[in-house]
Amino acid sequence: MARVVVDVMLKPEILDPQGKAVEGALGRLGLAGVEGVRQGKTFTLDLDGAVDEARLAQIHELAGSLLSNPVIEDYVIREVSS
């Protein structure tokens, strides 16, 4: 079995109100020195078999159309051991 993780984050130029709210809360809760927080989402795909280039290309296509909004989000795909 293979495991692929897709991390989706807002592009740096997009405002992140949820991240700002968490940043403020961290300060109020006593965690000093936090200079920024960005929120995102993670998708973990457990796949049967190995991940070859064709399968990885298919995951990239799905990540760019289904798992993320390419107008406001970037994504990173990484294969991890399960």
PDB file of N, CA and C in Angstrom:
ATOM      1  N   MET A   1       0.850  -1.173   0.000  1.00  0.00           N
ATOM      2  CA  MET A   1       0.000   0.000   0.000  1.00  0.00           C
ATOM      3  C   MET A   1       0.895   1.235   0.000  1.00  0.00           C
ATOM      4  N   ALA A   2       0.452   2.258  -0.695  1.00  0.00           N
ATOM      5  CA  ALA A   2       1.169   3.534  -0.753  1.00  0.00           C
ATOM      6  C   ALA A   2       0.290   4.615  -0.140  1.00  0.00           C
ATOM      7  N   ARG A   3       0.948   5.600   0.414  1.00  0.00           N
ATOM      8  CA  ARG A   3       0.224   6.734   0.975  1.00  0.00           C
ATOM      9  C   ARG A   3       0.756   8.015   0.341  1.00  0.00           C
ATOM     10  N   VAL A   4      -0.171   8.826  -0.163  1.00  0.00           N
ATOM     11  CA  VAL A   4       0.158  10.116  -0.760  1.00  0.00           C
ATOM     12  C   VAL A   4      -0.600  11.177   0.015  1.00  0.00           C
ATOM     13  N   VAL A   5       0.118  12.246   0.357  1.00  0.00           N
ATOM     14  CA  VAL A   5      -0.497  13.353   1.087  1.00  0.00           C
ATOM     15  C   VAL A   5      -0.512  14.577   0.183  1.00  0.00           C
ATOM     16  N   VAL A   6      -1.666  15.230   0.120  1.00  0.00           N
ATOM     17  CA  VAL A   6      -1.810  16.467  -0.641  1.00  0.00           C
ATOM     18  C   VAL A   6      -2.089  17.584   0.363  1.00  0.00           C
ATOM     19  N   ASP A   7      -1.134  18.519   0.484  1.00  0.00           N
ATOM     20  CA  ASP A   7      -1.297  19.674   1.354  1.00  0.00           C
ATOM     21  C   ASP A   7      -1.745  20.858   0.499  1.00  0.00           C
ATOM     22  N   VAL A   8      -2.841  21.477   0.893  1.00  0.00           N
ATOM     23  CA  VAL A   8      -3.408  22.601   0.149  1.00  0.00           C
ATOM     24  C   VAL A   8      -3.363  23.836   1.049  1.00  0.00           C
ATOM     25  N   MET A   9      -2.789  24.914   0.533  1.00  0.00           N
ATOM     26  CA  MET A   9      -2.682  26.165   1.284  1.00  0.00           C
ATOM     27  C   MET A   9      -3.135  27.330   0.407  1.00  0.00           C
ATOM     28  N   LEU A  10      -3.656  28.359   1.060  1.00  0.00           N
ATOM     29  CA  LEU A  10      -3.971  29.573   0.328  1.00  0.00           C
ATOM     30  C   LEU A  10      -2.687  30.162  -0.245  1.00  0.00           C
ATOM     31  N   LYS A  11      -2.774  30.730  -1.425  1.00  0.00           N
ATOM     32  CA  LYS A  11      -1.621  31.398  -2.010  1.00  0.00           C
ATOM     33  C   LYS A  11      -1.197  32.546  -1.094  1.00  0.00           C
ATOM     34  N   PRO A  12       0.097  32.876  -1.078  1.00  0.00           N
ATOM     35  CA  PRO A  12       0.592  33.907  -0.144  1.00  0.00           C
ATOM     36  C   PRO A  12      -0.106  35.260  -0.279  1.00  0.00           C
ATOM     37  N   GLU A  13      -0.551  35.599  -1.476  1.00  0.00           N
ATOM     38  CA  GLU A  13      -1.181  36.908  -1.681  1.00  0.00           C
ATOM     39  C   GLU A  13      -2.659  36.946  -1.277  1.00  0.00           C
ATOM     40  N   ILE A  14      -3.220  35.807  -0.908  1.00  0.00           N
ATOM     41  CA  ILE A  14      -4.626  35.730  -0.506  1.00  0.00           C
ATOM     42  C   ILE A  14      -4.728  35.926   1.000  1.00  0.00           C
ATOM     43  N   LEU A  15      -5.600  36.827   1.421  1.00  0.00           N
ATOM     44  CA  LEU A  15      -5.811  37.060   2.850  1.00  0.00           C
ATOM     45  C   LEU A  15      -6.357  35.802   3.508  1.00  0.00           C
ATOM     46  N   ASP A  16      -5.950  35.570   4.748  1.00  0.00           N
ATOM     47  CA  ASP A  16      -6.349  34.371   5.473  1.00  0.00           C
ATOM     48  C   ASP A  16      -6.973  34.782   6.813  1.00  0.00           C
ATOM     49  N   PRO A  17      -8.274  35.117   6.838  1.00  0.00           N
ATOM     50  CA  PRO A  17      -8.891  35.574   8.079  1.00  0.00           C
ATOM     51  C   PRO A  17      -8.879  34.517   9.187  1.00  0.00           C
ATOM     52  N   GLN A  18      -9.005  33.242   8.838  1.00  0.00           N
ATOM     53  CA  GLN A  18      -8.964  32.208   9.868  1.00  0.00           C
ATOM     54  C   GLN A  18      -7.563  32.128  10.480  1.00  0.00           C
ATOM     55  N   GLY A  19      -6.549  32.214   9.664  1.00  0.00           N
ATOM     56  CA  GLY A  19      -5.177  32.231  10.170  1.00  0.00           C
ATOM     57  C   GLY A  19      -4.928  33.419  11.071  1.00  0.00           C
ATOM     58  N   LYS A  20      -5.444  34.593  10.696  1.00  0.00           N
ATOM     59  CA  LYS A  20      -5.299  35.795  11.534  1.00  0.00           C
ATOM     60  C   LYS A  20      -5.998  35.615  12.872  1.00  0.00           C
ATOM     61  N   ALA A  21      -7.178  34.994  12.861  1.00  0.00           N
ATOM     62  CA  ALA A  21      -7.907  34.760  14.108  1.00  0.00           C
ATOM     63  C   ALA A  21      -7.120  33.820  15.016  1.00  0.00           C
ATOM     64  N   VAL A  22      -6.536  32.773  14.455  1.00  0.00           N
ATOM     65  CA  VAL A  22      -5.736  31.840  15.252  1.00  0.00           C
ATOM     66  C   VAL A  22      -4.488  32.543  15.773  1.00  0.00           C
ATOM     67  N   GLU A  23      -3.865  33.347  14.951  1.00  0.00           N
ATOM     68  CA  GLU A  23      -2.677  34.102  15.376  1.00  0.00           C
ATOM     69  C   GLU A  23      -2.990  34.966  16.595  1.00  0.00           C
ATOM     70  N   GLY A  24      -4.115  35.672  16.550  1.00  0.00           N
ATOM     71  CA  GLY A  24      -4.512  36.498  17.680  1.00  0.00           C
ATOM     72  C   GLY A  24      -4.794  35.672  18.920  1.00  0.00           C
ATOM     73  N   ALA A  25      -5.451  34.551  18.749  1.00  0.00           N
ATOM     74  CA  ALA A  25      -5.781  33.683  19.887  1.00  0.00           C
ATOM     75  C   ALA A  25      -4.519  33.114  20.518  1.00  0.00           C
ATOM     76  N   LEU A  26      -3.541  32.757  19.725  1.00  0.00           N
ATOM     77  CA  LEU A  26      -2.297  32.216  20.277  1.00  0.00           C
ATOM     78  C   LEU A  26      -1.621  33.231  21.194  1.00  0.00           C
ATOM     79  N   GLY A  27      -1.612  34.483  20.764  1.00  0.00           N
ATOM     80  CA  GLY A  27      -1.040  35.537  21.605  1.00  0.00           C
ATOM     81  C   GLY A  27      -1.795  35.701  22.913  1.00  0.00           C
ATOM     82  N   ARG A  28      -3.115  35.676  22.823  1.00  0.00           N
ATOM     83  CA  ARG A  28      -3.930  35.813  24.032  1.00  0.00           C
ATOM     84  C   ARG A  28      -3.776  34.622  24.968  1.00  0.00           C
ATOM     85  N   LEU A  29      -3.427  33.466  24.411  1.00  0.00           N
ATOM     86  CA  LEU A  29      -3.239  32.266  25.221  1.00  0.00           C
ATOM     87  C   LEU A  29      -1.809  32.109  25.742  1.00  0.00           C
ATOM     88  N   GLY A  30      -0.977  33.102  25.480  1.00  0.00           N
ATOM     89  CA  GLY A  30       0.352  33.121  26.068  1.00  0.00           C
ATOM     90  C   GLY A  30       1.492  32.641  25.188  1.00  0.00           C
ATOM     91  N   LEU A  31       1.233  32.317  23.940  1.00  0.00           N
ATOM     92  CA  LEU A  31       2.306  31.897  23.044  1.00  0.00           C
ATOM     93  C   LEU A  31       2.851  33.131  22.342  1.00  0.00           C
ATOM     94  N   ALA A  32       3.959  33.642  22.843  1.00  0.00           N
ATOM     95  CA  ALA A  32       4.548  34.869  22.300  1.00  0.00           C
ATOM     96  C   ALA A  32       5.425  34.552  21.088  1.00  0.00           C
ATOM     97  N   GLY A  33       5.614  35.543  20.244  1.00  0.00           N
ATOM     98  CA  GLY A  33       6.553  35.431  19.142  1.00  0.00           C
ATOM     99  C   GLY A  33       5.996  34.832  17.862  1.00  0.00           C
ATOM    100  N   VAL A  34       4.711  34.572  17.795  1.00  0.00           N
ATOM    101  CA  VAL A  34       4.123  34.045  16.559  1.00  0.00           C
ATOM    102  C   VAL A  34       3.931  35.214  15.605  1.00  0.00           C
ATOM    103  N   GLU A  35       4.594  35.151  14.465  1.00  0.00           N
ATOM    104  CA  GLU A  35       4.550  36.263  13.511  1.00  0.00           C
ATOM    105  C   GLU A  35       3.582  36.030  12.366  1.00  0.00           C
ATOM    106  N   GLY A  36       2.976  34.861  12.296  1.00  0.00           N
ATOM    107  CA  GLY A  36       2.015  34.608  11.243  1.00  0.00           C
ATOM    108  C   GLY A  36       1.482  33.185  11.322  1.00  0.00           C
ATOM    109  N   VAL A  37       0.230  33.026  10.927  1.00  0.00           N
ATOM    110  CA  VAL A  37      -0.410  31.712  10.866  1.00  0.00           C
ATOM    111  C   VAL A  37      -1.188  31.649   9.565  1.00  0.00           C
ATOM    112  N   ARG A  38      -1.029  30.552   8.838  1.00  0.00           N
ATOM    113  CA  ARG A  38      -1.809  30.294   7.629  1.00  0.00           C
ATOM    114  C   ARG A  38      -2.523  28.969   7.834  1.00  0.00           C
ATOM    115  N   GLN A  39      -3.791  28.916   7.534  1.00  0.00           N
ATOM    116  CA  GLN A  39      -4.530  27.669   7.654  1.00  0.00           C
ATOM    117  C   GLN A  39      -4.595  26.994   6.294  1.00  0.00           C
ATOM    118  N   GLY A  40      -4.729  25.685   6.323  1.00  0.00           N
ATOM    119  CA  GLY A  40      -4.815  24.922   5.088  1.00  0.00           C
ATOM    120  C   GLY A  40      -5.580  23.638   5.330  1.00  0.00           C
ATOM    121  N   LYS A  41      -5.466  22.740   4.381  1.00  0.00           N
ATOM    122  CA  LYS A  41      -6.132  21.446   4.518  1.00  0.00           C
ATOM    123  C   LYS A  41      -5.209  20.360   3.968  1.00  0.00           C
ATOM    124  N   THR A  42      -5.386  19.158   4.495  1.00  0.00           N
ATOM    125  CA  THR A  42      -4.566  18.023   4.103  1.00  0.00           C
ATOM    126  C   THR A  42      -5.467  16.868   3.697  1.00  0.00           C
ATOM    127  N   PHE A  43      -5.136  16.250   2.575  1.00  0.00           N
ATOM    128  CA  PHE A  43      -5.830  15.049   2.110  1.00  0.00           C
ATOM    129  C   PHE A  43      -4.824  13.914   2.120  1.00  0.00           C
ATOM    130  N   THR A  44      -5.169  12.814   2.768  1.00  0.00           N
ATOM    131  CA  THR A  44      -4.321  11.628   2.795  1.00  0.00           C
ATOM    132  C   THR A  44      -4.980  10.545   1.956  1.00  0.00           C
ATOM    133  N   LEU A  45      -4.268  10.110   0.929  1.00  0.00           N
ATOM    134  CA  LEU A  45      -4.791   9.088   0.022  1.00  0.00           C
ATOM    135  C   LEU A  45      -4.034   7.787   0.254  1.00  0.00           C
ATOM    136  N   ASP A  46      -4.731   6.752   0.670  1.00  0.00           N
ATOM    137  CA  ASP A  46      -4.153   5.422   0.799  1.00  0.00           C
ATOM    138  C   ASP A  46      -4.477   4.657  -0.471  1.00  0.00           C
ATOM    139  N   LEU A  47      -3.446   4.232  -1.170  1.00  0.00           N
ATOM    140  CA  LEU A  47      -3.603   3.616  -2.481  1.00  0.00           C
ATOM    141  C   LEU A  47      -3.102   2.184  -2.459  1.00  0.00           C
ATOM    142  N   ASP A  48      -3.774   1.315  -3.205  1.00  0.00           N
ATOM    143  CA  ASP A  48      -3.263  -0.044  -3.337  1.00  0.00           C
ATOM    144  C   ASP A  48      -2.137  -0.039  -4.361  1.00  0.00           C
ATOM    145  N   GLY A  49      -1.107  -0.788  -4.104  1.00  0.00           N
ATOM    146  CA  GLY A  49       0.013  -0.847  -5.034  1.00  0.00           C
ATOM    147  C   GLY A  49       0.949   0.336  -4.887  1.00  0.00           C
ATOM    148  N   ALA A  50       1.871   0.433  -5.822  1.00  0.00           N
ATOM    149  CA  ALA A  50       2.888   1.486  -5.811  1.00  0.00           C
ATOM    150  C   ALA A  50       2.387   2.730  -6.548  1.00  0.00           C
ATOM    151  N   VAL A  51       3.080   3.818  -6.304  1.00  0.00           N
ATOM    152  CA  VAL A  51       2.766   5.067  -6.993  1.00  0.00           C
ATOM    153  C   VAL A  51       3.790   5.248  -8.111  1.00  0.00           C
ATOM    154  N   ASP A  52       3.336   5.071  -9.356  1.00  0.00           N
ATOM    155  CA  ASP A  52       4.225   5.283 -10.489  1.00  0.00           C
ATOM    156  C   ASP A  52       3.963   6.673 -11.062  1.00  0.00           C
ATOM    157  N   GLU A  53       4.693   7.016 -12.102  1.00  0.00           N
ATOM    158  CA  GLU A  53       4.575   8.363 -12.676  1.00  0.00           C
ATOM    159  C   GLU A  53       3.184   8.636 -13.237  1.00  0.00           C
ATOM    160  N   ALA A  54       2.567   7.638 -13.847  1.00  0.00           N
ATOM    161  CA  ALA A  54       1.222   7.827 -14.413  1.00  0.00           C
ATOM    162  C   ALA A  54       0.206   8.103 -13.302  1.00  0.00           C
ATOM    163  N   ARG A  55       0.312   7.353 -12.220  1.00  0.00           N
ATOM    164  CA  ARG A  55      -0.614   7.536 -11.099  1.00  0.00           C
ATOM    165  C   ARG A  55      -0.380   8.886 -10.419  1.00  0.00           C
ATOM    166  N   LEU A  56       0.889   9.252 -10.298  1.00  0.00           N
ATOM    167  CA  LEU A  56       1.217  10.547  -9.702  1.00  0.00           C
ATOM    168  C   LEU A  56       0.699  11.690 -10.567  1.00  0.00           C
ATOM    169  N   ALA A  57       0.775  11.545 -11.868  1.00  0.00           N
ATOM    170  CA  ALA A  57       0.240  12.564 -12.781  1.00  0.00           C
ATOM    171  C   ALA A  57      -1.274  12.680 -12.614  1.00  0.00           C
ATOM    172  N   GLN A  58      -1.945  11.560 -12.432  1.00  0.00           N
ATOM    173  CA  GLN A  58      -3.395  11.571 -12.213  1.00  0.00           C
ATOM    174  C   GLN A  58      -3.733  12.276 -10.901  1.00  0.00           C
ATOM    175  N   ILE A  59      -2.944  12.026  -9.864  1.00  0.00           N
ATOM    176  CA  ILE A  59      -3.173  12.688  -8.575  1.00  0.00           C
ATOM    177  C   ILE A  59      -2.951  14.194  -8.703  1.00  0.00           C
ATOM    178  N   HIS A  60      -1.920  14.591  -9.465  1.00  0.00           N
ATOM    179  CA  HIS A  60      -1.689  16.026  -9.696  1.00  0.00           C
ATOM    180  C   HIS A  60      -2.891  16.664 -10.390  1.00  0.00           C
ATOM    181  N   GLU A  61      -3.433  15.989 -11.379  1.00  0.00           N
ATOM    182  CA  GLU A  61      -4.602  16.503 -12.101  1.00  0.00           C
ATOM    183  C   GLU A  61      -5.796  16.664 -11.159  1.00  0.00           C
ATOM    184  N   LEU A  62      -6.039  15.665 -10.322  1.00  0.00           N
ATOM    185  CA  LEU A  62      -7.151  15.735  -9.374  1.00  0.00           C
ATOM    186  C   LEU A  62      -6.914  16.787  -8.300  1.00  0.00           C
ATOM    187  N   ALA A  63      -5.673  16.912  -7.847  1.00  0.00           N
ATOM    188  CA  ALA A  63      -5.367  17.917  -6.830  1.00  0.00           C
ATOM    189  C   ALA A  63      -5.593  19.328  -7.378  1.00  0.00           C
ATOM    190  N   GLY A  64      -5.289  19.530  -8.647  1.00  0.00           N
ATOM    191  CA  GLY A  64      -5.459  20.845  -9.245  1.00  0.00           C
ATOM    192  C   GLY A  64      -6.884  21.184  -9.620  1.00  0.00           C
ATOM    193  N   SER A  65      -7.768  20.188  -9.644  1.00  0.00           N
ATOM    194  CA  SER A  65      -9.148  20.470 -10.055  1.00  0.00           C
ATOM    195  C   SER A  65     -10.178  20.148  -8.979  1.00  0.00           C
ATOM    196  N   LEU A  66      -9.959  19.091  -8.199  1.00  0.00           N
ATOM    197  CA  LEU A  66     -10.944  18.665  -7.216  1.00  0.00           C
ATOM    198  C   LEU A  66     -10.563  19.052  -5.787  1.00  0.00           C
ATOM    199  N   LEU A  67      -9.310  18.846  -5.429  1.00  0.00           N
ATOM    200  CA  LEU A  67      -8.893  19.053  -4.044  1.00  0.00           C
ATOM    201  C   LEU A  67      -8.515  20.490  -3.727  1.00  0.00           C
ATOM    202  N   SER A  68      -8.240  21.290  -4.735  1.00  0.00           N
ATOM    203  CA  SER A  68      -7.863  22.683  -4.507  1.00  0.00           C
ATOM    204  C   SER A  68      -8.570  23.590  -5.501  1.00  0.00           C
ATOM    205  N   ASN A  69      -8.611  24.859  -5.150  1.00  0.00           N
ATOM    206  CA  ASN A  69      -9.107  25.891  -6.058  1.00  0.00           C
ATOM    207  C   ASN A  69      -7.871  26.601  -6.607  1.00  0.00           C
ATOM    208  N   PRO A  70      -7.480  26.338  -7.848  1.00  0.00           N
ATOM    209  CA  PRO A  70      -6.217  26.867  -8.365  1.00  0.00           C
ATOM    210  C   PRO A  70      -6.158  28.394  -8.441  1.00  0.00           C
ATOM    211  N   VAL A  71      -7.285  29.055  -8.344  1.00  0.00           N
ATOM    212  CA  VAL A  71      -7.289  30.519  -8.370  1.00  0.00           C
ATOM    213  C   VAL A  71      -6.714  31.078  -7.072  1.00  0.00           C
ATOM    214  N   ILE A  72      -7.020  30.443  -5.947  1.00  0.00           N
ATOM    215  CA  ILE A  72      -6.602  30.997  -4.656  1.00  0.00           C
ATOM    216  C   ILE A  72      -5.717  30.059  -3.825  1.00  0.00           C
ATOM    217  N   GLU A  73      -5.508  28.813  -4.289  1.00  0.00           N
ATOM    218  CA  GLU A  73      -4.755  27.854  -3.493  1.00  0.00           C
ATOM    219  C   GLU A  73      -3.624  27.206  -4.291  1.00  0.00           C
ATOM    220  N   ASP A  74      -2.565  26.859  -3.571  1.00  0.00           N
ATOM    221  CA  ASP A  74      -1.473  26.048  -4.100  1.00  0.00           C
ATOM    222  C   ASP A  74      -1.535  24.692  -3.402  1.00  0.00           C
ATOM    223  N   TYR A  75      -0.931  23.698  -3.998  1.00  0.00           N
ATOM    224  CA  TYR A  75      -0.885  22.388  -3.350  1.00  0.00           C
ATOM    225  C   TYR A  75       0.496  21.762  -3.540  1.00  0.00           C
ATOM    226  N   VAL A  76       0.817  20.867  -2.611  1.00  0.00           N
ATOM    227  CA  VAL A  76       2.055  20.093  -2.665  1.00  0.00           C
ATOM    228  C   VAL A  76       1.671  18.631  -2.459  1.00  0.00           C
ATOM    229  N   ILE A  77       2.224  17.762  -3.281  1.00  0.00           N
ATOM    230  CA  ILE A  77       1.959  16.329  -3.156  1.00  0.00           C
ATOM    231  C   ILE A  77       3.248  15.663  -2.666  1.00  0.00           C
ATOM    232  N   ARG A  78       3.097  14.795  -1.666  1.00  0.00           N
ATOM    233  CA  ARG A  78       4.258  14.060  -1.179  1.00  0.00           C
ATOM    234  C   ARG A  78       3.858  12.616  -0.895  1.00  0.00           C
ATOM    235  N   GLU A  79       4.747  11.733  -1.224  1.00  0.00           N
ATOM    236  CA  GLU A  79       4.522  10.315  -0.921  1.00  0.00           C
ATOM    237  C   GLU A  79       5.179  10.018   0.419  1.00  0.00           C
ATOM    238  N   VAL A  80       4.439   9.376   1.297  1.00  0.00           N
ATOM    239  CA  VAL A  80       4.962   9.046   2.620  1.00  0.00           C
ATOM    240  C   VAL A  80       4.833   7.555   2.852  1.00  0.00           C
ATOM    241  N   SER A  81       5.623   7.052   3.770  1.00  0.00           N
ATOM    242  CA  SER A  81       5.488   5.634   4.102  1.00  0.00           C
ATOM    243  C   SER A  81       4.281   5.453   5.003  1.00  0.00           C
ATOM    244  N   SER A  82       3.531   4.403   4.779  1.00  0.00           N
ATOM    245  CA  SER A  82       2.281   4.203   5.519  1.00  0.00           C
ATOM    246  C   SER A  82       2.461   3.537   6.815  1.00  0.00           C
TER     247      SER A  82
END
